Amino acid sequence: MRASFWAVTLCLLATACGGGGMSRARHAFDEGRHADAVDELRALEAQAAGFDSDDHARYALVRGLSHFACGDLRAAATWLAQARAAGAADPELFSVSERGRLDAAWRSMGLMPGESARITSGLPAAVPAHSEPPHASR
């Protein structure tokens, strides 16, 4: 009984320390608050470097999709390319829904499934930190 109490406590602490920020970012993304999701994910970037490969791949996916939704294609291409590489290495990594979102964003950037990201032409030299449409709520 005591061992299971400590196991639950450790899981809750792990969620509060690392998973909480990712959970908040994912929640913001799911609610359509993409700029907020980008803010949460940027705050987690240093910590995300220490995530295991599966968690880092999911971080890259959500961050890429969040940047894509904000219109920041340069950042989206960078993060989505990382997620695609992880997904190619482990085809079971992402759910069908996650894979669909990744593929849809990739194709929406004018890239085909086998192509690498070459998002350079046609974009401004500097993309604002938040490229969200003016009507988006914060």
Protein backbone atom coordinates (compact mmCIF):
# COMPACT_ATOMS: atom_id res chain seq x y z
CA MET A 1 0.00 0.00 0.00
CA ARG A 2 2.77 2.42 0.93
CA ALA A 3 4.67 1.66 -2.32
CA SER A 4 1.62 2.46 -4.47
CA PHE A 5 1.13 5.73 -2.56
CA TRP A 6 4.68 6.81 -3.43
CA ALA A 7 4.29 5.70 -7.03
CA VAL A 8 1.16 7.85 -7.39
CA THR A 9 2.88 10.76 -5.62
CA LEU A 10 5.89 10.57 -7.96
CA CYS A 11 3.62 10.46 -11.01
CA LEU A 12 1.76 13.54 -9.80
CA LEU A 13 5.02 15.39 -9.14
CA ALA A 14 6.31 14.51 -12.59
CA THR A 15 3.12 15.83 -14.13
CA ALA A 16 3.28 19.01 -12.08
CA CYS A 17 6.91 19.65 -13.00
CA GLY A 18 7.10 18.80 -16.68
CA GLY A 19 3.81 17.48 -17.91
CA GLY A 20 1.89 20.46 -16.57
CA GLY A 21 3.38 22.92 -19.04
CA MET A 22 2.93 20.53 -21.91
CA SER A 23 -0.61 19.81 -20.74
CA ARG A 24 -1.39 23.54 -20.65
CA ALA A 25 0.08 23.99 -24.12
CA ARG A 26 -1.91 21.08 -25.51
CA HIS A 27 -5.08 22.39 -23.87
CA ALA A 28 -4.52 25.87 -25.35
CA PHE A 29 -3.92 24.31 -28.78
CA ASP A 30 -7.05 22.17 -28.54
CA GLU A 31 -9.09 25.26 -27.59
CA GLY A 32 -7.75 27.18 -30.59
CA ARG A 33 -5.60 29.52 -28.47
CA HIS A 34 -2.58 28.91 -30.67
CA ALA A 35 -0.55 31.95 -29.60
CA ASP A 36 -0.95 30.88 -25.97
CA ALA A 37 0.17 27.37 -26.92
CA VAL A 38 3.28 28.80 -28.61
CA ASP A 39 4.04 30.84 -25.46
CA GLU A 40 3.74 27.74 -23.25
CA LEU A 41 5.87 25.67 -25.60
CA ARG A 42 8.57 28.33 -25.84
CA ALA A 43 8.73 28.41 -22.06
CA LEU A 44 9.22 24.63 -22.07
CA GLU A 45 11.88 24.56 -24.79
CA ALA A 46 14.90 24.15 -22.49
CA GLN A 47 13.11 21.45 -20.52
CA ALA A 48 11.93 19.72 -23.71
CA ALA A 49 15.55 19.12 -24.70
CA GLY A 50 15.66 16.58 -21.86
CA PHE A 51 12.40 14.81 -22.77
CA ASP A 52 12.60 11.20 -23.91
CA SER A 53 12.36 10.77 -27.68
CA ASP A 54 8.60 10.07 -27.74
CA ASP A 55 7.72 13.07 -25.56
CA HIS A 56 10.07 15.30 -27.55
CA ALA A 57 8.42 14.18 -30.79
CA ARG A 58 5.00 15.10 -29.39
CA TYR A 59 6.39 18.44 -28.20
CA ALA A 60 7.71 19.07 -31.72
CA LEU A 61 4.37 18.10 -33.25
CA VAL A 62 2.27 20.38 -31.04
CA ARG A 63 4.77 23.23 -31.38
CA GLY A 64 4.90 22.87 -35.16
CA LEU A 65 1.12 22.75 -35.45
CA SER A 66 0.81 25.76 -33.13
CA HIS A 67 3.26 27.82 -35.19
CA PHE A 68 1.48 26.69 -38.35
CA ALA A 69 -1.89 27.83 -36.96
CA CYS A 70 -0.33 31.22 -36.12
CA GLY A 71 0.99 31.55 -39.68
CA ASP A 72 4.67 31.24 -38.75
CA LEU A 73 5.65 28.79 -41.49
CA ARG A 74 9.39 28.98 -40.86
CA ALA A 75 9.04 27.81 -37.26
CA ALA A 76 6.29 25.35 -38.23
CA ALA A 77 8.53 23.75 -40.85
CA THR A 78 11.38 23.37 -38.36
CA TRP A 79 9.28 21.67 -35.67
CA LEU A 80 7.11 19.62 -38.03
CA ALA A 81 10.25 18.30 -39.75
CA GLN A 82 11.45 17.02 -36.36
CA ALA A 83 8.08 15.39 -35.71
CA ARG A 84 8.06 13.82 -39.19
CA ALA A 85 11.55 12.40 -38.69
CA ALA A 86 10.52 10.87 -35.37
CA GLY A 87 7.34 9.48 -36.93
CA ALA A 88 9.31 7.97 -39.80
CA ALA A 89 11.67 6.28 -37.35
CA ASP A 90 8.75 4.87 -35.33
CA PRO A 91 5.53 4.53 -37.37
CA GLU A 92 3.55 3.69 -34.20
CA LEU A 93 4.62 6.87 -32.40
CA PHE A 94 1.69 9.10 -33.35
CA SER A 95 -2.00 8.31 -33.23
CA VAL A 96 -3.97 8.31 -36.48
CA SER A 97 -5.30 11.77 -35.56
CA GLU A 98 -1.82 13.15 -34.82
CA ARG A 99 -0.44 11.68 -38.05
CA GLY A 100 -3.36 13.21 -39.97
CA ARG A 101 -2.73 16.66 -38.50
CA LEU A 102 0.98 16.38 -39.26
CA ASP A 103 0.39 15.30 -42.87
CA ALA A 104 -2.29 17.95 -43.43
CA ALA A 105 -0.04 20.75 -42.14
CA TRP A 106 2.89 19.44 -44.21
CA ARG A 107 0.81 19.39 -47.39
CA SER A 108 -0.71 22.78 -46.62
CA MET A 109 2.81 24.21 -46.69
CA GLY A 110 3.08 22.95 -50.27
CA LEU A 111 5.16 19.89 -49.42
CA MET A 112 4.50 16.30 -50.37
CA PRO A 113 4.95 13.42 -47.90
CA GLY A 114 8.47 12.52 -49.09
CA GLU A 115 9.76 16.08 -49.40
CA SER A 116 11.93 17.86 -46.88
CA ALA A 117 11.05 21.36 -45.68
CA ARG A 118 12.36 24.12 -47.89
CA ILE A 119 10.31 26.96 -46.49
CA THR A 120 12.34 29.97 -47.54
CA SER A 121 10.95 31.65 -50.64
CA GLY A 122 7.89 33.82 -50.44
CA LEU A 123 8.14 34.39 -46.68
CA PRO A 124 9.13 37.63 -44.99
CA ALA A 125 12.65 37.80 -43.60
CA ALA A 126 11.29 38.12 -40.08
CA VAL A 127 8.03 36.67 -38.90
CA PRO A 128 6.47 38.37 -35.85
CA ALA A 129 6.50 36.40 -32.61
CA HIS A 130 2.72 36.03 -32.88
CA SER A 131 1.34 35.98 -36.39
CA GLU A 132 -2.19 35.27 -35.24
CA PRO A 133 -5.02 37.04 -37.06
CA PRO A 134 -6.19 40.24 -35.34
CA HIS A 135 -9.59 38.73 -34.53
CA ALA A 136 -8.10 35.85 -32.51
CA SER A 137 -8.93 35.99 -28.83
CA ARG A 138 -6.26 35.91 -26.16
